[in-house]
Amino acid sequence: MRTFSDWCGQQLQRLGRLTTLCLLILVLSWTLPATAANRISPRLEENVLQIIRQHPEAILESLQAYQQQQQQVVQQIRQVFLQDLKTNPQAVIGESPTTGATSAKIVLVEFSDYQCPYCAEAHKNLKQILAKNPDKFTLVYKHFPLASIHNQAIPAAKAAWAAQQQGKFWEYHDALFTNQNKLGEDFYQEIAKNLNLDLPKFEQDRNNAEAAIRKDLQLAESLRLSGTPFFVLNSENFSGAVQLADLEKIFSQNATK
């Protein structure tokens, strides 16, 4: 049976082939004058350059076709993801931590980064929504550390995953977001001690967390997510530090569907 990940892989391979074609055209147009003399005859070089000069629209059309293809593939991937979330949510949840109702009509998937200030703001609002509606929806957390701009995003994600192995994910998760300005090795140890975690196991699990974090990252990349936080709820998605009133409106609308 083909999985969602397999399907994503096939679509991205198609996208990659078109990308390669476009890049080849660009490389020919940009680098030919500087390097072609050592590889091809001047006559052939001039013929190629003449074609490019006479038909620059061919390159533009190729790029436009690539962009359209990219948008279509991403849309298809997201549609399949949303359909899976609606019909078989456990396949999307996998081994990710969940909180709220154990079996609910509304499933909210959050892609987040522990060092992202917008994620911390969203976390605060989500806590209030959960407190008001503990049995109305299931919250699923997916790691999406933006390591290129947040140097503590991956270490924090690994620490939270290690806490999950001892049944303390949400407590650890809350401490990270509530004290975002303290992120660092000393603080990760401090939280673990405050939660009475088995410290040797905590260290071992942190060292083994990479595969799980990478799996979430690959899912985010297949969905072409570019920022955090990003939320998927039943048949829609939204991003940013959503306000409490907006969250309540979204949940109310989905509860009646």
C-alpha atoms as a PDB file:
ATOM      1  CA  MET A   1       0.000   0.000   0.000  1.00  0.00           C
ATOM      2  CA  ARG A   2       1.462   3.364  -1.009  1.00  0.00           C
ATOM      3  CA  THR A   3       1.985   5.725   1.923  1.00  0.00           C
ATOM      4  CA  PHE A   4       1.658   9.493   2.012  1.00  0.00           C
ATOM      5  CA  SER A   5       5.468   9.771   2.215  1.00  0.00           C
ATOM      6  CA  ASP A   6       5.926   7.557  -0.867  1.00  0.00           C
ATOM      7  CA  TRP A   7       3.466   9.651  -2.847  1.00  0.00           C
ATOM      8  CA  CYS A   8       5.218  12.860  -1.794  1.00  0.00           C
ATOM      9  CA  GLY A   9       8.524  11.408  -2.906  1.00  0.00           C
ATOM     10  CA  GLN A  10       7.205  10.606  -6.390  1.00  0.00           C
ATOM     11  CA  GLN A  11       5.760  14.088  -6.806  1.00  0.00           C
ATOM     12  CA  LEU A  12       8.961  15.742  -5.657  1.00  0.00           C
ATOM     13  CA  GLN A  13      10.995  13.621  -8.087  1.00  0.00           C
ATOM     14  CA  ARG A  14       8.847  14.909 -10.944  1.00  0.00           C
ATOM     15  CA  LEU A  15       9.370  18.426  -9.686  1.00  0.00           C
ATOM     16  CA  GLY A  16      13.096  17.813  -9.460  1.00  0.00           C
ATOM     17  CA  ARG A  17      13.321  16.739 -13.105  1.00  0.00           C
ATOM     18  CA  LEU A  18      11.615  19.917 -14.257  1.00  0.00           C
ATOM     19  CA  THR A  19      13.839  21.978 -11.971  1.00  0.00           C
ATOM     20  CA  THR A  20      16.918  20.375 -13.511  1.00  0.00           C
ATOM     21  CA  LEU A  21      15.718  21.251 -17.007  1.00  0.00           C
ATOM     22  CA  CYS A  22      15.139  24.882 -16.082  1.00  0.00           C
ATOM     23  CA  LEU A  23      18.480  25.144 -14.347  1.00  0.00           C
ATOM     24  CA  LEU A  24      20.200  23.632 -17.373  1.00  0.00           C
ATOM     25  CA  ILE A  25      18.699  26.301 -19.592  1.00  0.00           C
ATOM     26  CA  LEU A  26      19.801  29.017 -17.186  1.00  0.00           C
ATOM     27  CA  VAL A  27      23.301  27.610 -16.858  1.00  0.00           C
ATOM     28  CA  LEU A  28      23.661  27.543 -20.629  1.00  0.00           C
ATOM     29  CA  SER A  29      22.495  31.119 -20.949  1.00  0.00           C
ATOM     30  CA  TRP A  30      24.592  32.488 -18.071  1.00  0.00           C
ATOM     31  CA  THR A  31      27.832  30.549 -18.304  1.00  0.00           C
ATOM     32  CA  LEU A  32      28.202  29.883 -22.002  1.00  0.00           C
ATOM     33  CA  PRO A  33      30.028  33.136 -22.854  1.00  0.00           C
ATOM     34  CA  ALA A  34      32.597  32.610 -20.079  1.00  0.00           C
ATOM     35  CA  THR A  35      33.377  28.898 -20.390  1.00  0.00           C
ATOM     36  CA  ALA A  36      32.182  27.532 -23.693  1.00  0.00           C
ATOM     37  CA  ALA A  37      35.306  28.515 -25.639  1.00  0.00           C
ATOM     38  CA  ASN A  38      37.216  25.648 -24.076  1.00  0.00           C
ATOM     39  CA  ARG A  39      34.569  23.075 -24.976  1.00  0.00           C
ATOM     40  CA  ILE A  40      32.745  23.998 -28.181  1.00  0.00           C
ATOM     41  CA  SER A  41      33.523  25.691 -31.456  1.00  0.00           C
ATOM     42  CA  PRO A  42      32.994  29.457 -31.795  1.00  0.00           C
ATOM     43  CA  ARG A  43      30.418  28.821 -34.518  1.00  0.00           C
ATOM     44  CA  LEU A  44      28.310  26.536 -32.323  1.00  0.00           C
ATOM     45  CA  GLU A  45      28.643  28.969 -29.453  1.00  0.00           C
ATOM     46  CA  GLU A  46      27.401  31.822 -31.604  1.00  0.00           C
ATOM     47  CA  ASN A  47      24.485  29.736 -32.893  1.00  0.00           C
ATOM     48  CA  VAL A  48      23.377  28.861 -29.352  1.00  0.00           C
ATOM     49  CA  LEU A  49      23.696  32.453 -28.172  1.00  0.00           C
ATOM     50  CA  GLN A  50      21.789  33.685 -31.195  1.00  0.00           C
ATOM     51  CA  ILE A  51      18.918  31.322 -30.447  1.00  0.00           C
ATOM     52  CA  ILE A  52      18.827  32.536 -26.840  1.00  0.00           C
ATOM     53  CA  ARG A  53      18.873  36.181 -27.945  1.00  0.00           C
ATOM     54  CA  GLN A  54      16.134  35.608 -30.502  1.00  0.00           C
ATOM     55  CA  HIS A  55      13.939  33.570 -28.151  1.00  0.00           C
ATOM     56  CA  PRO A  56      14.457  34.809 -24.566  1.00  0.00           C
ATOM     57  CA  GLU A  57      10.809  34.025 -23.969  1.00  0.00           C
ATOM     58  CA  ALA A  58      11.687  30.313 -24.099  1.00  0.00           C
ATOM     59  CA  ILE A  59      13.642  30.616 -20.863  1.00  0.00           C
ATOM     60  CA  LEU A  60      10.890  32.679 -19.252  1.00  0.00           C
ATOM     61  CA  GLU A  61       8.249  30.195 -20.366  1.00  0.00           C
ATOM     62  CA  SER A  62      10.286  27.318 -18.943  1.00  0.00           C
ATOM     63  CA  LEU A  63      10.601  29.095 -15.610  1.00  0.00           C
ATOM     64  CA  GLN A  64       6.905  29.927 -15.569  1.00  0.00           C
ATOM     65  CA  ALA A  65       6.068  26.316 -16.365  1.00  0.00           C
ATOM     66  CA  TYR A  66       8.310  25.209 -13.508  1.00  0.00           C
ATOM     67  CA  GLN A  67       6.633  27.596 -11.083  1.00  0.00           C
ATOM     68  CA  GLN A  68       3.176  26.424 -12.121  1.00  0.00           C
ATOM     69  CA  GLN A  69       4.210  22.785 -11.846  1.00  0.00           C
ATOM     70  CA  GLN A  70       5.686  23.458  -8.413  1.00  0.00           C
ATOM     71  CA  GLN A  71       2.477  25.091  -7.216  1.00  0.00           C
ATOM     72  CA  GLN A  72       0.382  22.205  -8.549  1.00  0.00           C
ATOM     73  CA  VAL A  73       2.550  19.561  -6.888  1.00  0.00           C
ATOM     74  CA  VAL A  74       2.531  21.384  -3.552  1.00  0.00           C
ATOM     75  CA  GLN A  75      -1.241  21.803  -3.774  1.00  0.00           C
ATOM     76  CA  GLN A  76      -1.670  18.087  -4.483  1.00  0.00           C
ATOM     77  CA  ILE A  77       0.604  17.110  -1.601  1.00  0.00           C
ATOM     78  CA  ARG A  78      -1.302  19.345   0.798  1.00  0.00           C
ATOM     79  CA  GLN A  79      -4.654  18.020  -0.422  1.00  0.00           C
ATOM     80  CA  VAL A  80      -3.546  14.438   0.200  1.00  0.00           C
ATOM     81  CA  PHE A  81      -2.271  15.436   3.640  1.00  0.00           C
ATOM     82  CA  LEU A  82      -5.567  17.128   4.507  1.00  0.00           C
ATOM     83  CA  GLN A  83      -7.529  14.132   3.258  1.00  0.00           C
ATOM     84  CA  ASP A  84      -5.416  11.767   5.363  1.00  0.00           C
ATOM     85  CA  LEU A  85      -5.877  14.034   8.371  1.00  0.00           C
ATOM     86  CA  LYS A  86      -9.642  13.901   7.871  1.00  0.00           C
ATOM     87  CA  THR A  87     -10.086  10.197   7.115  1.00  0.00           C
ATOM     88  CA  ASN A  88      -7.149   8.593   8.920  1.00  0.00           C
ATOM     89  CA  PRO A  89      -5.696  11.075  11.427  1.00  0.00           C
ATOM     90  CA  GLN A  90      -3.598   8.444  13.183  1.00  0.00           C
ATOM     91  CA  ALA A  91      -1.549   7.998  10.007  1.00  0.00           C
ATOM     92  CA  VAL A  92      -0.633  11.681  10.191  1.00  0.00           C
ATOM     93  CA  ILE A  93      -0.154  11.724  13.957  1.00  0.00           C
ATOM     94  CA  GLY A  94       2.164   8.722  13.986  1.00  0.00           C
ATOM     95  CA  GLU A  95       4.336   8.840  17.105  1.00  0.00           C
ATOM     96  CA  SER A  96       3.995  12.595  17.566  1.00  0.00           C
ATOM     97  CA  PRO A  97       2.887  13.841  20.999  1.00  0.00           C
ATOM     98  CA  THR A  98      -0.770  14.753  21.402  1.00  0.00           C
ATOM     99  CA  THR A  99      -2.842  16.490  24.040  1.00  0.00           C
ATOM    100  CA  GLY A 100      -6.494  17.373  24.517  1.00  0.00           C
ATOM    101  CA  ALA A 101      -9.226  14.921  23.584  1.00  0.00           C
ATOM    102  CA  THR A 102      -8.066  11.379  22.854  1.00  0.00           C
ATOM    103  CA  SER A 103     -10.704  10.992  20.167  1.00  0.00           C
ATOM    104  CA  ALA A 104     -12.051  14.190  18.680  1.00  0.00           C
ATOM    105  CA  LYS A 105     -13.642  15.427  15.496  1.00  0.00           C
ATOM    106  CA  ILE A 106     -11.193  18.318  15.312  1.00  0.00           C
ATOM    107  CA  VAL A 107      -7.474  17.562  14.945  1.00  0.00           C
ATOM    108  CA  LEU A 108      -5.019  20.463  14.988  1.00  0.00           C
ATOM    109  CA  VAL A 109      -1.483  19.769  13.759  1.00  0.00           C
ATOM    110  CA  GLU A 110       1.110  22.325  14.814  1.00  0.00           C
ATOM    111  CA  PHE A 111       4.524  22.684  13.141  1.00  0.00           C
ATOM    112  CA  SER A 112       6.636  24.721  15.509  1.00  0.00           C
ATOM    113  CA  ASP A 113      10.097  25.873  16.622  1.00  0.00           C
ATOM    114  CA  TYR A 114      11.002  26.357  20.293  1.00  0.00           C
ATOM    115  CA  GLN A 115      13.115  29.442  19.570  1.00  0.00           C
ATOM    116  CA  CYS A 116      10.530  31.167  17.366  1.00  0.00           C
ATOM    117  CA  PRO A 117       8.887  34.139  19.168  1.00  0.00           C
ATOM    118  CA  TYR A 118       5.684  33.780  17.126  1.00  0.00           C
ATOM    119  CA  CYS A 119       5.506  30.132  18.191  1.00  0.00           C
ATOM    120  CA  ALA A 120       5.776  31.164  21.841  1.00  0.00           C
ATOM    121  CA  GLU A 121       2.892  33.592  21.361  1.00  0.00           C
ATOM    122  CA  ALA A 122       0.812  30.919  19.641  1.00  0.00           C
ATOM    123  CA  HIS A 123       1.640  28.474  22.446  1.00  0.00           C
ATOM    124  CA  LYS A 124       0.215  30.875  25.012  1.00  0.00           C
ATOM    125  CA  ASN A 125      -3.031  31.198  23.062  1.00  0.00           C
ATOM    126  CA  LEU A 126      -3.299  27.458  22.442  1.00  0.00           C
ATOM    127  CA  LYS A 127      -2.990  26.803  26.182  1.00  0.00           C
ATOM    128  CA  GLN A 128      -5.992  29.018  26.803  1.00  0.00           C
ATOM    129  CA  ILE A 129      -8.013  27.304  24.078  1.00  0.00           C
ATOM    130  CA  LEU A 130      -7.137  23.883  25.508  1.00  0.00           C
ATOM    131  CA  ALA A 131      -8.114  24.979  29.004  1.00  0.00           C
ATOM    132  CA  LYS A 132     -11.519  26.132  27.737  1.00  0.00           C
ATOM    133  CA  ASN A 133     -12.119  23.164  25.425  1.00  0.00           C
ATOM    134  CA  PRO A 134     -10.278  20.145  26.858  1.00  0.00           C
ATOM    135  CA  ASP A 135     -12.583  17.640  25.157  1.00  0.00           C
ATOM    136  CA  LYS A 136     -13.233  19.413  21.871  1.00  0.00           C
ATOM    137  CA  PHE A 137     -10.027  18.840  19.882  1.00  0.00           C
ATOM    138  CA  THR A 138      -6.734  16.992  19.674  1.00  0.00           C
ATOM    139  CA  LEU A 139      -3.504  18.982  19.387  1.00  0.00           C
ATOM    140  CA  VAL A 140      -0.620  17.273  17.585  1.00  0.00           C
ATOM    141  CA  TYR A 141       2.909  18.673  17.797  1.00  0.00           C
ATOM    142  CA  LYS A 142       5.380  18.349  14.910  1.00  0.00           C
ATOM    143  CA  HIS A 143       8.957  19.574  15.240  1.00  0.00           C
ATOM    144  CA  PHE A 144       9.953  22.179  12.665  1.00  0.00           C
ATOM    145  CA  PRO A 145      13.208  23.696  13.982  1.00  0.00           C
ATOM    146  CA  LEU A 146      14.488  26.495  11.753  1.00  0.00           C
ATOM    147  CA  ALA A 147      18.146  25.785  12.439  1.00  0.00           C
ATOM    148  CA  SER A 148      19.435  28.299   9.898  1.00  0.00           C
ATOM    149  CA  ILE A 149      18.195  31.194  12.040  1.00  0.00           C
ATOM    150  CA  HIS A 150      17.697  29.613  15.488  1.00  0.00           C
ATOM    151  CA  ASN A 151      20.776  27.919  16.919  1.00  0.00           C
ATOM    152  CA  GLN A 152      18.870  26.402  19.858  1.00  0.00           C
ATOM    153  CA  ALA A 153      15.918  25.125  17.835  1.00  0.00           C
ATOM    154  CA  ILE A 154      17.273  21.619  17.257  1.00  0.00           C
ATOM    155  CA  PRO A 155      18.830  21.137  20.734  1.00  0.00           C
ATOM    156  CA  ALA A 156      15.526  22.202  22.298  1.00  0.00           C
ATOM    157  CA  ALA A 157      13.546  19.871  20.024  1.00  0.00           C
ATOM    158  CA  LYS A 158      15.815  16.954  20.921  1.00  0.00           C
ATOM    159  CA  ALA A 159      15.420  17.686  24.624  1.00  0.00           C
ATOM    160  CA  ALA A 160      11.624  17.801  24.299  1.00  0.00           C
ATOM    161  CA  TRP A 161      11.642  14.520  22.366  1.00  0.00           C
ATOM    162  CA  ALA A 162      13.771  12.930  25.095  1.00  0.00           C
ATOM    163  CA  ALA A 163      11.272  14.108  27.713  1.00  0.00           C
ATOM    164  CA  GLN A 164       8.495  12.544  25.634  1.00  0.00           C
ATOM    165  CA  GLN A 165      10.171   9.144  26.043  1.00  0.00           C
ATOM    166  CA  GLN A 166       9.510   9.474  29.778  1.00  0.00           C
ATOM    167  CA  GLY A 167       5.939  10.745  29.407  1.00  0.00           C
ATOM    168  CA  LYS A 168       6.796  14.371  30.164  1.00  0.00           C
ATOM    169  CA  PHE A 169       6.693  15.979  26.747  1.00  0.00           C
ATOM    170  CA  TRP A 170       4.010  18.584  27.383  1.00  0.00           C
ATOM    171  CA  GLU A 171       5.493  19.692  30.697  1.00  0.00           C
ATOM    172  CA  TYR A 172       8.905  20.068  29.074  1.00  0.00           C
ATOM    173  CA  HIS A 173       7.348  21.701  26.012  1.00  0.00           C
ATOM    174  CA  ASP A 174       5.588  24.268  28.187  1.00  0.00           C
ATOM    175  CA  ALA A 175       8.791  25.093  30.086  1.00  0.00           C
ATOM    176  CA  LEU A 176      10.685  25.698  26.834  1.00  0.00           C
ATOM    177  CA  PHE A 177       8.124  28.103  25.418  1.00  0.00           C
ATOM    178  CA  THR A 178       7.414  29.851  28.713  1.00  0.00           C
ATOM    179  CA  ASN A 179      11.134  30.493  29.300  1.00  0.00           C
ATOM    180  CA  GLN A 180      12.258  30.954  25.721  1.00  0.00           C
ATOM    181  CA  ASN A 181      14.963  33.455  26.716  1.00  0.00           C
ATOM    182  CA  LYS A 182      16.725  30.739  28.763  1.00  0.00           C
ATOM    183  CA  LEU A 183      17.192  28.176  25.994  1.00  0.00           C
ATOM    184  CA  GLY A 184      20.545  26.452  26.355  1.00  0.00           C
ATOM    185  CA  GLU A 185      22.216  23.365  27.791  1.00  0.00           C
ATOM    186  CA  ASP A 186      22.009  24.464  31.434  1.00  0.00           C
ATOM    187  CA  PHE A 187      18.285  25.113  31.101  1.00  0.00           C
ATOM    188  CA  TYR A 188      17.602  21.778  29.398  1.00  0.00           C
ATOM    189  CA  GLN A 189      19.236  20.044  32.342  1.00  0.00           C
ATOM    190  CA  GLU A 190      17.354  22.218  34.813  1.00  0.00           C
ATOM    191  CA  ILE A 191      13.967  21.330  33.314  1.00  0.00           C
ATOM    192  CA  ALA A 192      14.851  17.630  33.303  1.00  0.00           C
ATOM    193  CA  LYS A 193      15.756  17.775  36.993  1.00  0.00           C
ATOM    194  CA  ASN A 194      12.628  19.760  37.896  1.00  0.00           C
ATOM    195  CA  LEU A 195      10.496  17.119  36.161  1.00  0.00           C
ATOM    196  CA  ASN A 196      12.357  14.318  37.969  1.00  0.00           C
ATOM    197  CA  LEU A 197      13.427  12.708  34.716  1.00  0.00           C
ATOM    198  CA  ASP A 198      15.844   9.805  34.685  1.00  0.00           C
ATOM    199  CA  LEU A 199      18.881  11.886  33.688  1.00  0.00           C
ATOM    200  CA  PRO A 200      21.043   9.124  32.146  1.00  0.00           C
ATOM    201  CA  LYS A 201      18.069   8.026  30.019  1.00  0.00           C
ATOM    202  CA  PHE A 202      17.335  11.650  29.157  1.00  0.00           C
ATOM    203  CA  GLU A 203      20.886  12.075  27.849  1.00  0.00           C
ATOM    204  CA  GLN A 204      20.730   8.842  25.891  1.00  0.00           C
ATOM    205  CA  ASP A 205      17.402   9.744  24.311  1.00  0.00           C
ATOM    206  CA  ARG A 206      18.602  13.214  23.362  1.00  0.00           C
ATOM    207  CA  ASN A 207      21.427  11.595  21.438  1.00  0.00           C
ATOM    208  CA  ASN A 208      18.913   9.349  19.657  1.00  0.00           C
ATOM    209  CA  ALA A 209      16.371  12.049  18.788  1.00  0.00           C
ATOM    210  CA  GLU A 210      17.730  13.057  15.391  1.00  0.00           C
ATOM    211  CA  ALA A 211      15.760  10.550  13.296  1.00  0.00           C
ATOM    212  CA  ALA A 212      12.420  11.582  14.814  1.00  0.00           C
ATOM    213  CA  ILE A 213      13.158  15.291  14.360  1.00  0.00           C
ATOM    214  CA  ARG A 214      14.272  14.686  10.772  1.00  0.00           C
ATOM    215  CA  LYS A 215      11.035  12.821  10.012  1.00  0.00           C
ATOM    216  CA  ASP A 216       8.970  15.832  11.077  1.00  0.00           C
ATOM    217  CA  LEU A 217      11.250  18.148   9.106  1.00  0.00           C
ATOM    218  CA  GLN A 218      10.836  16.033   5.984  1.00  0.00           C
ATOM    219  CA  LEU A 219       7.064  16.211   6.337  1.00  0.00           C
ATOM    220  CA  ALA A 220       7.226  20.005   6.696  1.00  0.00           C
ATOM    221  CA  GLU A 221       9.492  20.238   3.656  1.00  0.00           C
ATOM    222  CA  SER A 222       7.204  18.007   1.577  1.00  0.00           C
ATOM    223  CA  LEU A 223       4.350  20.386   2.414  1.00  0.00           C
ATOM    224  CA  ARG A 224       6.632  23.276   1.389  1.00  0.00           C
ATOM    225  CA  LEU A 225       6.281  25.035   4.724  1.00  0.00           C
ATOM    226  CA  SER A 226       8.587  28.026   5.005  1.00  0.00           C
ATOM    227  CA  GLY A 227       7.920  29.490   8.433  1.00  0.00           C
ATOM    228  CA  THR A 228       6.661  28.813  11.924  1.00  0.00           C
ATOM    229  CA  PRO A 229       4.265  28.339  13.486  1.00  0.00           C
ATOM    230  CA  PHE A 230       2.160  26.594  10.851  1.00  0.00           C
ATOM    231  CA  PHE A 231      -1.151  24.923  11.670  1.00  0.00           C
ATOM    232  CA  VAL A 232      -3.293  22.407   9.834  1.00  0.00           C
ATOM    233  CA  LEU A 233      -6.815  21.941  11.138  1.00  0.00           C
ATOM    234  CA  ASN A 234      -9.141  19.505   9.411  1.00  0.00           C
ATOM    235  CA  SER A 235      -9.575  21.009   5.931  1.00  0.00           C
ATOM    236  CA  GLU A 236      -7.681  24.276   6.298  1.00  0.00           C
ATOM    237  CA  ASN A 237      -4.324  25.697   7.300  1.00  0.00           C
ATOM    238  CA  PHE A 238      -3.090  28.950   8.804  1.00  0.00           C
ATOM    239  CA  SER A 239       0.160  30.351  10.119  1.00  0.00           C
ATOM    240  CA  GLY A 240       1.706  32.936  12.420  1.00  0.00           C
ATOM    241  CA  ALA A 241       1.031  34.019  15.980  1.00  0.00           C
ATOM    242  CA  VAL A 242      -2.734  33.620  15.678  1.00  0.00           C
ATOM    243  CA  GLN A 243      -4.734  35.504  18.264  1.00  0.00           C
ATOM    244  CA  LEU A 244      -7.038  33.876  20.780  1.00  0.00           C
ATOM    245  CA  ALA A 245     -10.197  35.312  19.198  1.00  0.00           C
ATOM    246  CA  ASP A 246      -9.142  34.005  15.787  1.00  0.00           C
ATOM    247  CA  LEU A 247      -8.464  30.535  17.180  1.00  0.00           C
ATOM    248  CA  GLU A 248     -11.850  30.446  18.886  1.00  0.00           C
ATOM    249  CA  LYS A 249     -13.542  31.442  15.626  1.00  0.00           C
ATOM    250  CA  ILE A 250     -11.682  28.764  13.655  1.00  0.00           C
ATOM    251  CA  PHE A 251     -12.575  26.055  16.169  1.00  0.00           C
ATOM    252  CA  SER A 252     -16.200  27.163  16.284  1.00  0.00           C
ATOM    253  CA  GLN A 253     -16.487  27.010  12.492  1.00  0.00           C
ATOM    254  CA  ASN A 254     -14.913  23.553  12.295  1.00  0.00           C
ATOM    255  CA  ALA A 255     -17.024  22.175  15.133  1.00  0.00           C
ATOM    256  CA  THR A 256     -20.154  22.659  13.018  1.00  0.00           C
ATOM    257  CA  LYS A 257     -18.760  20.973   9.878  1.00  0.00           C
END
